[in-house]
Amino acid sequence: MHLIRISPLFPADAGVPMILLTFPAMLAMLIPVILVEATLLRKWLGLQVWTAIKSSAAANVVSTLIGVPVAWGVTLLFEFFAFGAIMRIPAISRAADKWNSPLAHVVVTVLAPAWLGPDERNLYWMVPLATIVLLVPTFFLSVWIEAFVVDRMVSVPEGDSSNLTSSRIRATVRNANLVSYGLLTFAASTWLLIMLVRGK
């Protein structure tokens, strides 16, 4: 299994803390995402090119540096407490012990994507699937953070002729993130399909 070699700090039986993969990946995608969203902000809000780039860059830097780790942390807390509490129910625990199938691995990966279990045989597809799942909470937090940042940078009072109101900015930032996260989801889904076809 050559896909996962995270860090000597984490032995093989410790599993995979996905933040060590998703955070560098989001940093690597930062410039393309900034350019995509800047283009959309310019088109949909009528901003000047430099204003759109500056707003998109500031918003995405903040949402990446803060939003990605926080989204992962919240998911991890859910994974440890909510999912852990469910698995402590005797009937569910017994059923889970007996349910050792590919579908079971998929369900566990979807419900607990923040820190994958030490399953070397299946990590080749579990990692891209967990990446896709983690994009969901990251999207919602990114929309909130970026809308806040862009609104502070370009909004004007109600009634201004430019119509750059907070509500319009929030909707535009949400729609721009739908596009950028749609592209990220497509990329992660393509990665997942390639891994499944390759089988390792």
N, C-alpha and C. Protein backbone atom coordinates (compact mmCIF):
# COMPACT_ATOMS: atom_id res chain seq x y z
N MET A 1 0.86 -1.19 0.00
CA MET A 1 0.00 0.00 0.00
C MET A 1 0.89 1.24 0.00
N HIS A 2 1.01 1.86 -1.14
CA HIS A 2 1.93 2.98 -1.27
C HIS A 2 1.22 4.34 -1.19
N LEU A 3 -0.10 4.33 -1.14
CA LEU A 3 -0.83 5.60 -1.17
C LEU A 3 -0.67 6.38 0.12
N ILE A 4 -0.68 5.69 1.25
CA ILE A 4 -0.69 6.38 2.53
C ILE A 4 0.62 6.15 3.26
N ARG A 5 1.40 7.19 3.36
CA ARG A 5 2.58 7.20 4.22
C ARG A 5 2.57 8.56 4.91
N ILE A 6 1.77 8.69 5.96
CA ILE A 6 1.44 10.01 6.50
C ILE A 6 2.61 10.63 7.25
N SER A 7 3.03 9.99 8.31
CA SER A 7 4.04 10.59 9.16
C SER A 7 4.57 9.56 10.12
N PRO A 8 5.84 9.63 10.48
CA PRO A 8 6.36 8.71 11.49
C PRO A 8 5.71 8.92 12.84
N LEU A 9 5.01 10.06 13.03
CA LEU A 9 4.32 10.29 14.29
C LEU A 9 3.11 9.39 14.45
N PHE A 10 2.60 8.84 13.32
CA PHE A 10 1.42 8.01 13.35
C PHE A 10 1.76 6.61 12.86
N PRO A 11 1.84 5.62 13.77
CA PRO A 11 2.10 4.25 13.34
C PRO A 11 0.96 3.72 12.50
N ALA A 12 1.23 2.62 11.80
CA ALA A 12 0.25 2.08 10.86
C ALA A 12 -1.08 1.76 11.51
N ASP A 13 -1.05 1.30 12.79
CA ASP A 13 -2.30 0.91 13.44
C ASP A 13 -3.04 2.09 14.05
N ALA A 14 -2.55 3.30 13.85
CA ALA A 14 -3.23 4.49 14.37
C ALA A 14 -4.29 5.02 13.42
N GLY A 15 -4.33 4.52 12.19
CA GLY A 15 -5.28 5.02 11.22
C GLY A 15 -4.75 6.26 10.50
N VAL A 16 -5.66 6.94 9.82
CA VAL A 16 -5.27 8.09 8.99
C VAL A 16 -6.05 9.33 9.42
N PRO A 17 -5.39 10.30 10.07
CA PRO A 17 -6.04 11.59 10.34
C PRO A 17 -6.13 12.38 9.03
N MET A 18 -7.32 12.52 8.50
CA MET A 18 -7.48 13.05 7.14
C MET A 18 -7.04 14.49 6.99
N ILE A 19 -6.95 15.25 8.08
CA ILE A 19 -6.51 16.64 7.98
C ILE A 19 -5.09 16.71 7.41
N LEU A 20 -4.28 15.68 7.62
CA LEU A 20 -2.92 15.68 7.10
C LEU A 20 -2.88 15.50 5.59
N LEU A 21 -4.01 15.11 5.01
CA LEU A 21 -4.11 14.99 3.56
C LEU A 21 -4.94 16.12 2.96
N THR A 22 -6.07 16.42 3.60
CA THR A 22 -6.98 17.41 3.01
C THR A 22 -6.44 18.83 3.11
N PHE A 23 -5.77 19.16 4.22
CA PHE A 23 -5.28 20.53 4.37
C PHE A 23 -4.21 20.87 3.33
N PRO A 24 -3.19 20.03 3.13
CA PRO A 24 -2.22 20.32 2.06
C PRO A 24 -2.88 20.36 0.68
N ALA A 25 -3.87 19.48 0.47
CA ALA A 25 -4.54 19.47 -0.83
C ALA A 25 -5.31 20.77 -1.07
N MET A 26 -5.98 21.27 -0.04
CA MET A 26 -6.72 22.52 -0.19
C MET A 26 -5.77 23.69 -0.38
N LEU A 27 -4.62 23.66 0.27
CA LEU A 27 -3.62 24.70 0.04
C LEU A 27 -3.12 24.66 -1.41
N ALA A 28 -2.92 23.46 -1.93
CA ALA A 28 -2.45 23.31 -3.31
C ALA A 28 -3.49 23.83 -4.31
N MET A 29 -4.77 23.70 -3.97
CA MET A 29 -5.84 24.14 -4.86
C MET A 29 -6.23 25.60 -4.64
N LEU A 30 -5.57 26.28 -3.73
CA LEU A 30 -5.99 27.62 -3.33
C LEU A 30 -5.98 28.62 -4.49
N ILE A 31 -4.90 28.67 -5.25
CA ILE A 31 -4.81 29.65 -6.34
C ILE A 31 -5.86 29.38 -7.42
N PRO A 32 -6.03 28.13 -7.91
CA PRO A 32 -7.10 27.91 -8.89
C PRO A 32 -8.48 28.28 -8.37
N VAL A 33 -8.76 27.97 -7.09
CA VAL A 33 -10.06 28.31 -6.51
C VAL A 33 -10.24 29.83 -6.42
N ILE A 34 -9.19 30.53 -6.02
CA ILE A 34 -9.25 31.99 -5.96
C ILE A 34 -9.59 32.57 -7.32
N LEU A 35 -8.94 32.07 -8.37
CA LEU A 35 -9.17 32.59 -9.72
C LEU A 35 -10.58 32.28 -10.20
N VAL A 36 -11.06 31.07 -9.94
CA VAL A 36 -12.42 30.70 -10.35
C VAL A 36 -13.44 31.60 -9.65
N GLU A 37 -13.32 31.72 -8.34
CA GLU A 37 -14.30 32.50 -7.59
C GLU A 37 -14.17 33.99 -7.88
N ALA A 38 -12.95 34.47 -8.12
CA ALA A 38 -12.78 35.88 -8.49
C ALA A 38 -13.48 36.19 -9.81
N THR A 39 -13.36 35.28 -10.76
CA THR A 39 -14.04 35.44 -12.05
C THR A 39 -15.55 35.53 -11.85
N LEU A 40 -16.08 34.67 -10.99
CA LEU A 40 -17.52 34.66 -10.76
C LEU A 40 -17.97 35.90 -9.97
N LEU A 41 -17.19 36.31 -8.99
CA LEU A 41 -17.53 37.53 -8.25
C LEU A 41 -17.53 38.75 -9.18
N ARG A 42 -16.56 38.80 -10.06
CA ARG A 42 -16.49 39.92 -11.01
C ARG A 42 -17.71 39.91 -11.94
N LYS A 43 -18.07 38.72 -12.39
CA LYS A 43 -19.19 38.61 -13.34
C LYS A 43 -20.53 38.88 -12.66
N TRP A 44 -20.74 38.30 -11.50
CA TRP A 44 -22.06 38.36 -10.85
C TRP A 44 -22.27 39.61 -10.00
N LEU A 45 -21.18 40.21 -9.51
CA LEU A 45 -21.31 41.41 -8.70
C LEU A 45 -20.88 42.68 -9.43
N GLY A 46 -20.29 42.50 -10.62
CA GLY A 46 -19.85 43.67 -11.37
C GLY A 46 -18.64 44.35 -10.76
N LEU A 47 -17.78 43.59 -10.09
CA LEU A 47 -16.61 44.18 -9.45
C LEU A 47 -15.51 44.44 -10.46
N GLN A 48 -14.62 45.36 -10.11
CA GLN A 48 -13.40 45.54 -10.88
C GLN A 48 -12.52 44.30 -10.71
N VAL A 49 -11.66 44.05 -11.70
CA VAL A 49 -10.85 42.84 -11.69
C VAL A 49 -10.03 42.75 -10.41
N TRP A 50 -9.31 43.80 -10.06
CA TRP A 50 -8.45 43.75 -8.88
C TRP A 50 -9.26 43.58 -7.60
N THR A 51 -10.41 44.23 -7.52
CA THR A 51 -11.27 44.09 -6.34
C THR A 51 -11.76 42.66 -6.20
N ALA A 52 -12.15 42.05 -7.33
CA ALA A 52 -12.62 40.68 -7.29
C ALA A 52 -11.52 39.72 -6.86
N ILE A 53 -10.31 39.90 -7.41
CA ILE A 53 -9.19 39.03 -7.05
C ILE A 53 -8.82 39.21 -5.59
N LYS A 54 -8.74 40.46 -5.15
CA LYS A 54 -8.36 40.75 -3.76
C LYS A 54 -9.39 40.17 -2.79
N SER A 55 -10.66 40.33 -3.09
CA SER A 55 -11.71 39.83 -2.21
C SER A 55 -11.71 38.31 -2.17
N SER A 56 -11.59 37.70 -3.35
CA SER A 56 -11.57 36.24 -3.42
C SER A 56 -10.35 35.67 -2.71
N ALA A 57 -9.20 36.30 -2.89
CA ALA A 57 -7.97 35.82 -2.26
C ALA A 57 -8.07 35.90 -0.75
N ALA A 58 -8.51 37.05 -0.23
CA ALA A 58 -8.62 37.21 1.22
C ALA A 58 -9.61 36.21 1.81
N ALA A 59 -10.77 36.08 1.15
CA ALA A 59 -11.80 35.19 1.66
C ALA A 59 -11.34 33.73 1.65
N ASN A 60 -10.69 33.32 0.58
CA ASN A 60 -10.28 31.92 0.47
C ASN A 60 -9.09 31.58 1.36
N VAL A 61 -8.19 32.52 1.55
CA VAL A 61 -7.08 32.28 2.49
C VAL A 61 -7.62 32.07 3.89
N VAL A 62 -8.54 32.93 4.31
CA VAL A 62 -9.12 32.79 5.65
C VAL A 62 -9.90 31.49 5.78
N SER A 63 -10.73 31.18 4.77
CA SER A 63 -11.56 29.97 4.87
C SER A 63 -10.72 28.70 4.80
N THR A 64 -9.57 28.77 4.12
CA THR A 64 -8.70 27.60 4.06
C THR A 64 -7.95 27.42 5.38
N LEU A 65 -7.36 28.50 5.88
CA LEU A 65 -6.56 28.40 7.10
C LEU A 65 -7.40 28.14 8.34
N ILE A 66 -8.63 28.63 8.33
CA ILE A 66 -9.50 28.45 9.50
C ILE A 66 -10.59 27.42 9.23
N GLY A 67 -11.27 27.57 8.10
CA GLY A 67 -12.42 26.72 7.83
C GLY A 67 -12.11 25.25 7.67
N VAL A 68 -11.04 24.92 6.96
CA VAL A 68 -10.71 23.51 6.72
C VAL A 68 -10.38 22.80 8.03
N PRO A 69 -9.48 23.33 8.88
CA PRO A 69 -9.21 22.65 10.15
C PRO A 69 -10.43 22.58 11.08
N VAL A 70 -11.21 23.68 11.13
CA VAL A 70 -12.38 23.68 12.01
C VAL A 70 -13.42 22.67 11.54
N ALA A 71 -13.66 22.61 10.23
CA ALA A 71 -14.62 21.64 9.70
C ALA A 71 -14.17 20.21 10.02
N TRP A 72 -12.87 19.96 9.87
CA TRP A 72 -12.35 18.63 10.20
C TRP A 72 -12.50 18.36 11.69
N GLY A 73 -12.20 19.36 12.53
CA GLY A 73 -12.31 19.17 13.97
C GLY A 73 -13.73 18.88 14.41
N VAL A 74 -14.70 19.61 13.85
CA VAL A 74 -16.10 19.37 14.19
C VAL A 74 -16.52 17.96 13.77
N THR A 75 -16.09 17.56 12.57
CA THR A 75 -16.40 16.22 12.09
C THR A 75 -15.76 15.16 12.98
N LEU A 76 -14.54 15.43 13.43
CA LEU A 76 -13.85 14.49 14.31
C LEU A 76 -14.58 14.35 15.64
N LEU A 77 -15.05 15.47 16.19
CA LEU A 77 -15.81 15.41 17.43
C LEU A 77 -17.08 14.58 17.26
N PHE A 78 -17.76 14.80 16.14
CA PHE A 78 -18.95 13.98 15.86
C PHE A 78 -18.57 12.52 15.77
N GLU A 79 -17.46 12.26 15.09
CA GLU A 79 -17.01 10.88 14.90
C GLU A 79 -16.71 10.22 16.24
N PHE A 80 -16.03 10.93 17.12
CA PHE A 80 -15.63 10.35 18.39
C PHE A 80 -16.79 10.21 19.37
N PHE A 81 -17.64 11.23 19.42
CA PHE A 81 -18.68 11.24 20.44
C PHE A 81 -20.00 10.64 19.95
N ALA A 82 -20.57 11.20 18.88
CA ALA A 82 -21.87 10.72 18.41
C ALA A 82 -21.76 9.30 17.84
N PHE A 83 -20.83 9.11 16.90
CA PHE A 83 -20.68 7.79 16.29
C PHE A 83 -20.20 6.79 17.34
N GLY A 84 -19.28 7.24 18.21
CA GLY A 84 -18.78 6.36 19.26
C GLY A 84 -19.88 5.94 20.21
N ALA A 85 -20.77 6.88 20.56
CA ALA A 85 -21.87 6.56 21.47
C ALA A 85 -22.82 5.55 20.84
N ILE A 86 -23.07 5.73 19.55
CA ILE A 86 -23.96 4.78 18.85
C ILE A 86 -23.35 3.38 18.87
N MET A 87 -22.04 3.31 18.63
CA MET A 87 -21.38 2.01 18.57
C MET A 87 -21.28 1.35 19.94
N ARG A 88 -21.50 2.11 21.01
CA ARG A 88 -21.48 1.51 22.35
C ARG A 88 -22.80 0.86 22.73
N ILE A 89 -23.82 1.07 21.91
CA ILE A 89 -25.10 0.37 22.13
C ILE A 89 -24.88 -1.11 21.84
N PRO A 90 -25.12 -1.98 22.80
CA PRO A 90 -24.77 -3.40 22.65
C PRO A 90 -25.29 -4.05 21.38
N ALA A 91 -26.55 -3.83 21.05
CA ALA A 91 -27.13 -4.47 19.87
C ALA A 91 -26.42 -4.02 18.59
N ILE A 92 -26.17 -2.71 18.50
CA ILE A 92 -25.50 -2.17 17.31
C ILE A 92 -24.05 -2.65 17.26
N SER A 93 -23.41 -2.69 18.42
CA SER A 93 -22.02 -3.14 18.48
C SER A 93 -21.90 -4.59 18.02
N ARG A 94 -22.81 -5.44 18.47
CA ARG A 94 -22.77 -6.85 18.06
C ARG A 94 -23.02 -6.99 16.56
N ALA A 95 -23.99 -6.21 16.05
CA ALA A 95 -24.28 -6.27 14.62
C ALA A 95 -23.09 -5.79 13.80
N ALA A 96 -22.42 -4.73 14.28
CA ALA A 96 -21.26 -4.19 13.55
C ALA A 96 -20.12 -5.19 13.53
N ASP A 97 -19.93 -5.91 14.63
CA ASP A 97 -18.85 -6.91 14.68
C ASP A 97 -19.05 -8.02 13.65
N LYS A 98 -20.31 -8.33 13.36
CA LYS A 98 -20.61 -9.41 12.42
C LYS A 98 -20.72 -8.91 10.98
N TRP A 99 -20.84 -7.58 10.82
CA TRP A 99 -21.06 -7.01 9.49
C TRP A 99 -19.71 -6.60 8.90
N ASN A 100 -19.07 -7.54 8.26
CA ASN A 100 -17.75 -7.29 7.68
C ASN A 100 -17.84 -7.46 6.17
N SER A 101 -18.28 -6.40 5.51
CA SER A 101 -18.48 -6.45 4.06
C SER A 101 -18.02 -5.14 3.45
N PRO A 102 -17.87 -5.09 2.12
CA PRO A 102 -17.51 -3.81 1.47
C PRO A 102 -18.48 -2.69 1.80
N LEU A 103 -19.79 -3.02 1.87
CA LEU A 103 -20.78 -2.00 2.20
C LEU A 103 -20.56 -1.45 3.61
N ALA A 104 -20.17 -2.32 4.54
CA ALA A 104 -19.90 -1.88 5.91
C ALA A 104 -18.74 -0.89 5.93
N HIS A 105 -17.70 -1.15 5.14
CA HIS A 105 -16.55 -0.24 5.08
C HIS A 105 -16.98 1.12 4.50
N VAL A 106 -17.86 1.10 3.51
CA VAL A 106 -18.35 2.35 2.92
C VAL A 106 -19.13 3.16 3.95
N VAL A 107 -20.04 2.48 4.66
CA VAL A 107 -20.87 3.16 5.66
C VAL A 107 -20.01 3.78 6.75
N VAL A 108 -19.04 3.03 7.24
CA VAL A 108 -18.16 3.54 8.30
C VAL A 108 -17.34 4.73 7.79
N THR A 109 -16.87 4.66 6.56
CA THR A 109 -16.08 5.76 5.99
C THR A 109 -16.92 7.02 5.85
N VAL A 110 -18.18 6.87 5.44
CA VAL A 110 -19.06 8.03 5.27
C VAL A 110 -19.42 8.63 6.63
N LEU A 111 -19.66 7.78 7.63
CA LEU A 111 -20.07 8.28 8.94
C LEU A 111 -18.88 8.76 9.78
N ALA A 112 -17.69 8.27 9.48
CA ALA A 112 -16.51 8.62 10.28
C ALA A 112 -15.34 8.95 9.35
N PRO A 113 -15.42 10.05 8.59
CA PRO A 113 -14.40 10.34 7.59
C PRO A 113 -13.18 11.11 8.11
N ALA A 114 -13.28 11.67 9.31
CA ALA A 114 -12.21 12.55 9.77
C ALA A 114 -10.94 11.80 10.13
N TRP A 115 -11.12 10.62 10.71
CA TRP A 115 -9.96 9.80 11.10
C TRP A 115 -10.27 8.37 10.71
N LEU A 116 -9.68 7.91 9.62
CA LEU A 116 -9.97 6.59 9.09
C LEU A 116 -9.27 5.52 9.92
N GLY A 117 -9.92 4.38 10.02
CA GLY A 117 -9.34 3.27 10.76
C GLY A 117 -8.14 2.67 10.03
N PRO A 118 -7.36 1.88 10.76
CA PRO A 118 -6.15 1.27 10.18
C PRO A 118 -6.49 0.08 9.28
N ASP A 119 -7.01 0.36 8.13
CA ASP A 119 -7.42 -0.70 7.18
C ASP A 119 -6.59 -0.57 5.92
N GLU A 120 -5.39 -1.11 5.95
CA GLU A 120 -4.45 -0.95 4.84
C GLU A 120 -5.00 -1.44 3.51
N ARG A 121 -5.80 -2.49 3.54
CA ARG A 121 -6.30 -3.07 2.29
C ARG A 121 -7.28 -2.17 1.56
N ASN A 122 -7.99 -1.33 2.31
CA ASN A 122 -9.05 -0.53 1.70
C ASN A 122 -8.78 0.97 1.67
N LEU A 123 -7.65 1.40 2.20
CA LEU A 123 -7.38 2.84 2.25
C LEU A 123 -7.30 3.48 0.86
N TYR A 124 -6.97 2.69 -0.15
CA TYR A 124 -6.83 3.26 -1.49
C TYR A 124 -8.13 3.89 -1.98
N TRP A 125 -9.29 3.37 -1.55
CA TRP A 125 -10.55 4.01 -1.92
C TRP A 125 -11.19 4.75 -0.75
N MET A 126 -10.86 4.38 0.49
CA MET A 126 -11.43 5.07 1.66
C MET A 126 -10.97 6.52 1.73
N VAL A 127 -9.70 6.78 1.39
CA VAL A 127 -9.18 8.15 1.46
C VAL A 127 -9.90 9.10 0.50
N PRO A 128 -10.03 8.77 -0.79
CA PRO A 128 -10.79 9.69 -1.66
C PRO A 128 -12.26 9.80 -1.29
N LEU A 129 -12.88 8.71 -0.80
CA LEU A 129 -14.27 8.79 -0.38
C LEU A 129 -14.41 9.70 0.83
N ALA A 130 -13.52 9.55 1.80
CA ALA A 130 -13.56 10.43 2.98
C ALA A 130 -13.32 11.89 2.59
N THR A 131 -12.47 12.10 1.59
CA THR A 131 -12.22 13.46 1.10
C THR A 131 -13.50 14.09 0.57
N ILE A 132 -14.26 13.32 -0.19
CA ILE A 132 -15.53 13.81 -0.73
C ILE A 132 -16.49 14.16 0.40
N VAL A 133 -16.60 13.28 1.39
CA VAL A 133 -17.51 13.52 2.52
C VAL A 133 -17.10 14.78 3.29
N LEU A 134 -15.81 14.95 3.52
CA LEU A 134 -15.33 16.10 4.29
C LEU A 134 -15.53 17.42 3.55
N LEU A 135 -15.69 17.36 2.22
CA LEU A 135 -15.97 18.59 1.48
C LEU A 135 -17.31 19.21 1.87
N VAL A 136 -18.22 18.39 2.38
CA VAL A 136 -19.57 18.90 2.72
C VAL A 136 -19.52 19.88 3.89
N PRO A 137 -19.01 19.48 5.07
CA PRO A 137 -18.95 20.48 6.15
C PRO A 137 -18.01 21.64 5.83
N THR A 138 -16.94 21.35 5.07
CA THR A 138 -16.01 22.41 4.70
C THR A 138 -16.69 23.44 3.81
N PHE A 139 -17.56 22.99 2.92
CA PHE A 139 -18.30 23.91 2.05
C PHE A 139 -19.14 24.88 2.86
N PHE A 140 -19.92 24.36 3.79
CA PHE A 140 -20.83 25.23 4.55
C PHE A 140 -20.05 26.24 5.39
N LEU A 141 -18.97 25.80 6.01
CA LEU A 141 -18.17 26.73 6.81
C LEU A 141 -17.47 27.75 5.92
N SER A 142 -17.00 27.31 4.75
CA SER A 142 -16.34 28.23 3.82
C SER A 142 -17.29 29.31 3.33
N VAL A 143 -18.52 28.92 3.02
CA VAL A 143 -19.51 29.90 2.57
C VAL A 143 -19.72 30.96 3.63
N TRP A 144 -19.86 30.55 4.88
CA TRP A 144 -20.09 31.50 5.96
C TRP A 144 -18.89 32.43 6.14
N ILE A 145 -17.69 31.87 6.15
CA ILE A 145 -16.48 32.68 6.35
C ILE A 145 -16.26 33.62 5.17
N GLU A 146 -16.35 33.10 3.96
CA GLU A 146 -16.08 33.92 2.78
C GLU A 146 -17.12 35.01 2.59
N ALA A 147 -18.37 34.70 2.89
CA ALA A 147 -19.41 35.73 2.78
C ALA A 147 -19.13 36.86 3.76
N PHE A 148 -18.68 36.51 4.96
CA PHE A 148 -18.35 37.52 5.96
C PHE A 148 -17.20 38.41 5.46
N VAL A 149 -16.14 37.78 4.93
CA VAL A 149 -14.97 38.53 4.49
C VAL A 149 -15.29 39.42 3.29
N VAL A 150 -15.93 38.85 2.29
CA VAL A 150 -16.25 39.62 1.08
C VAL A 150 -17.22 40.75 1.40
N ASP A 151 -18.19 40.48 2.26
CA ASP A 151 -19.15 41.52 2.63
C ASP A 151 -18.44 42.70 3.29
N ARG A 152 -17.47 42.41 4.16
CA ARG A 152 -16.73 43.49 4.81
C ARG A 152 -15.89 44.30 3.82
N MET A 153 -15.50 43.66 2.72
CA MET A 153 -14.60 44.31 1.77
C MET A 153 -15.31 45.11 0.69
N VAL A 154 -16.50 44.67 0.28
CA VAL A 154 -17.11 45.31 -0.90
C VAL A 154 -18.54 45.80 -0.71
N SER A 155 -19.17 45.50 0.43
CA SER A 155 -20.59 45.88 0.56
C SER A 155 -20.75 47.39 0.68
N VAL A 156 -21.94 47.84 0.31
CA VAL A 156 -22.30 49.26 0.41
C VAL A 156 -23.66 49.35 1.08
N PRO A 157 -24.07 50.53 1.56
CA PRO A 157 -25.37 50.66 2.22
C PRO A 157 -26.53 50.34 1.27
N GLU A 158 -27.65 49.91 1.85
CA GLU A 158 -28.85 49.65 1.07
C GLU A 158 -29.24 50.91 0.30
N GLY A 159 -29.65 50.73 -0.96
CA GLY A 159 -30.08 51.84 -1.78
C GLY A 159 -28.98 52.42 -2.65
N ASP A 160 -27.73 52.01 -2.43
CA ASP A 160 -26.64 52.47 -3.28
C ASP A 160 -26.86 51.96 -4.70
N SER A 161 -26.49 52.75 -5.68
CA SER A 161 -26.74 52.39 -7.08
C SER A 161 -26.00 51.13 -7.52
N SER A 162 -24.90 50.78 -6.86
CA SER A 162 -24.15 49.58 -7.25
C SER A 162 -24.85 48.31 -6.81
N ASN A 163 -25.79 48.42 -5.84
CA ASN A 163 -26.57 47.28 -5.35
C ASN A 163 -25.69 46.17 -4.77
N LEU A 164 -24.55 46.54 -4.20
CA LEU A 164 -23.70 45.54 -3.56
C LEU A 164 -24.13 45.38 -2.10
N THR A 165 -25.33 44.86 -1.92
CA THR A 165 -25.88 44.68 -0.58
C THR A 165 -25.36 43.37 0.03
N SER A 166 -25.47 43.28 1.33
CA SER A 166 -24.99 42.09 2.02
C SER A 166 -25.71 40.83 1.55
N SER A 167 -27.02 40.93 1.36
CA SER A 167 -27.77 39.74 0.94
C SER A 167 -27.34 39.28 -0.45
N ARG A 168 -27.11 40.23 -1.34
CA ARG A 168 -26.66 39.87 -2.69
C ARG A 168 -25.25 39.27 -2.64
N ILE A 169 -24.39 39.82 -1.82
CA ILE A 169 -23.03 39.30 -1.71
C ILE A 169 -23.04 37.88 -1.14
N ARG A 170 -23.83 37.66 -0.10
CA ARG A 170 -23.90 36.32 0.50
C ARG A 170 -24.38 35.29 -0.52
N ALA A 171 -25.39 35.64 -1.29
CA ALA A 171 -25.90 34.72 -2.30
C ALA A 171 -24.86 34.45 -3.38
N THR A 172 -24.15 35.49 -3.77
CA THR A 172 -23.13 35.33 -4.81
C THR A 172 -21.97 34.48 -4.32
N VAL A 173 -21.53 34.71 -3.10
CA VAL A 173 -20.44 33.90 -2.54
C VAL A 173 -20.87 32.45 -2.41
N ARG A 174 -22.09 32.21 -1.99
CA ARG A 174 -22.61 30.84 -1.91
C ARG A 174 -22.58 30.18 -3.28
N ASN A 175 -23.05 30.89 -4.30
CA ASN A 175 -23.09 30.32 -5.64
C ASN A 175 -21.69 30.08 -6.21
N ALA A 176 -20.78 31.00 -5.91
CA ALA A 176 -19.40 30.81 -6.36
C ALA A 176 -18.77 29.59 -5.70
N ASN A 177 -19.10 29.38 -4.43
CA ASN A 177 -18.59 28.21 -3.73
C ASN A 177 -19.22 26.92 -4.23
N LEU A 178 -20.48 27.01 -4.65
CA LEU A 178 -21.11 25.83 -5.26
C LEU A 178 -20.34 25.40 -6.51
N VAL A 179 -19.88 26.38 -7.28
CA VAL A 179 -19.10 26.06 -8.48
C VAL A 179 -17.74 25.49 -8.10
N SER A 180 -17.01 26.18 -7.22
CA SER A 180 -15.65 25.74 -6.88
C SER A 180 -15.68 24.39 -6.15
N TYR A 181 -16.61 24.21 -5.24
CA TYR A 181 -16.69 22.93 -4.53
C TYR A 181 -17.24 21.83 -5.43
N GLY A 182 -18.05 22.22 -6.40
CA GLY A 182 -18.47 21.23 -7.40
C GLY A 182 -17.27 20.70 -8.18
N LEU A 183 -16.35 21.60 -8.54
CA LEU A 183 -15.14 21.19 -9.24
C LEU A 183 -14.25 20.33 -8.34
N LEU A 184 -14.13 20.70 -7.07
CA LEU A 184 -13.33 19.90 -6.13
C LEU A 184 -13.95 18.51 -5.94
N THR A 185 -15.27 18.47 -5.85
CA THR A 185 -15.95 17.17 -5.69
C THR A 185 -15.76 16.32 -6.94
N PHE A 186 -15.82 16.95 -8.11
CA PHE A 186 -15.59 16.21 -9.35
C PHE A 186 -14.18 15.64 -9.38
N ALA A 187 -13.20 16.44 -8.96
CA ALA A 187 -11.81 15.97 -8.94
C ALA A 187 -11.64 14.81 -7.97
N ALA A 188 -12.23 14.93 -6.76
CA ALA A 188 -12.12 13.86 -5.78
C ALA A 188 -12.86 12.61 -6.24
N SER A 189 -13.99 12.79 -6.91
CA SER A 189 -14.75 11.64 -7.42
C SER A 189 -13.98 10.92 -8.53
N THR A 190 -13.31 11.72 -9.37
CA THR A 190 -12.47 11.12 -10.41
C THR A 190 -11.33 10.31 -9.79
N TRP A 191 -10.73 10.87 -8.75
CA TRP A 191 -9.67 10.17 -8.01
C TRP A 191 -10.20 8.86 -7.44
N LEU A 192 -11.40 8.90 -6.85
CA LEU A 192 -12.00 7.69 -6.29
C LEU A 192 -12.23 6.64 -7.36
N LEU A 193 -12.77 7.05 -8.51
CA LEU A 193 -13.03 6.10 -9.59
C LEU A 193 -11.74 5.49 -10.11
N ILE A 194 -10.70 6.31 -10.24
CA ILE A 194 -9.41 5.79 -10.70
C ILE A 194 -8.87 4.75 -9.72
N MET A 195 -8.98 5.05 -8.43
CA MET A 195 -8.51 4.10 -7.42
C MET A 195 -9.30 2.80 -7.45
N LEU A 196 -10.61 2.89 -7.65
CA LEU A 196 -11.43 1.70 -7.71
C LEU A 196 -11.11 0.85 -8.95
N VAL A 197 -10.86 1.52 -10.06
CA VAL A 197 -10.51 0.79 -11.28
C VAL A 197 -9.15 0.12 -11.14
N ARG A 198 -8.21 0.84 -10.57
CA ARG A 198 -6.88 0.28 -10.37
C ARG A 198 -6.87 -0.81 -9.32
N GLY A 199 -7.73 -0.63 -8.32
CA GLY A 199 -7.84 -1.65 -7.29
C GLY A 199 -6.75 -1.62 -6.25
N LYS A 200 -5.94 -0.55 -6.23
CA LYS A 200 -4.90 -0.44 -5.21
C LYS A 200 -4.29 0.96 -5.29
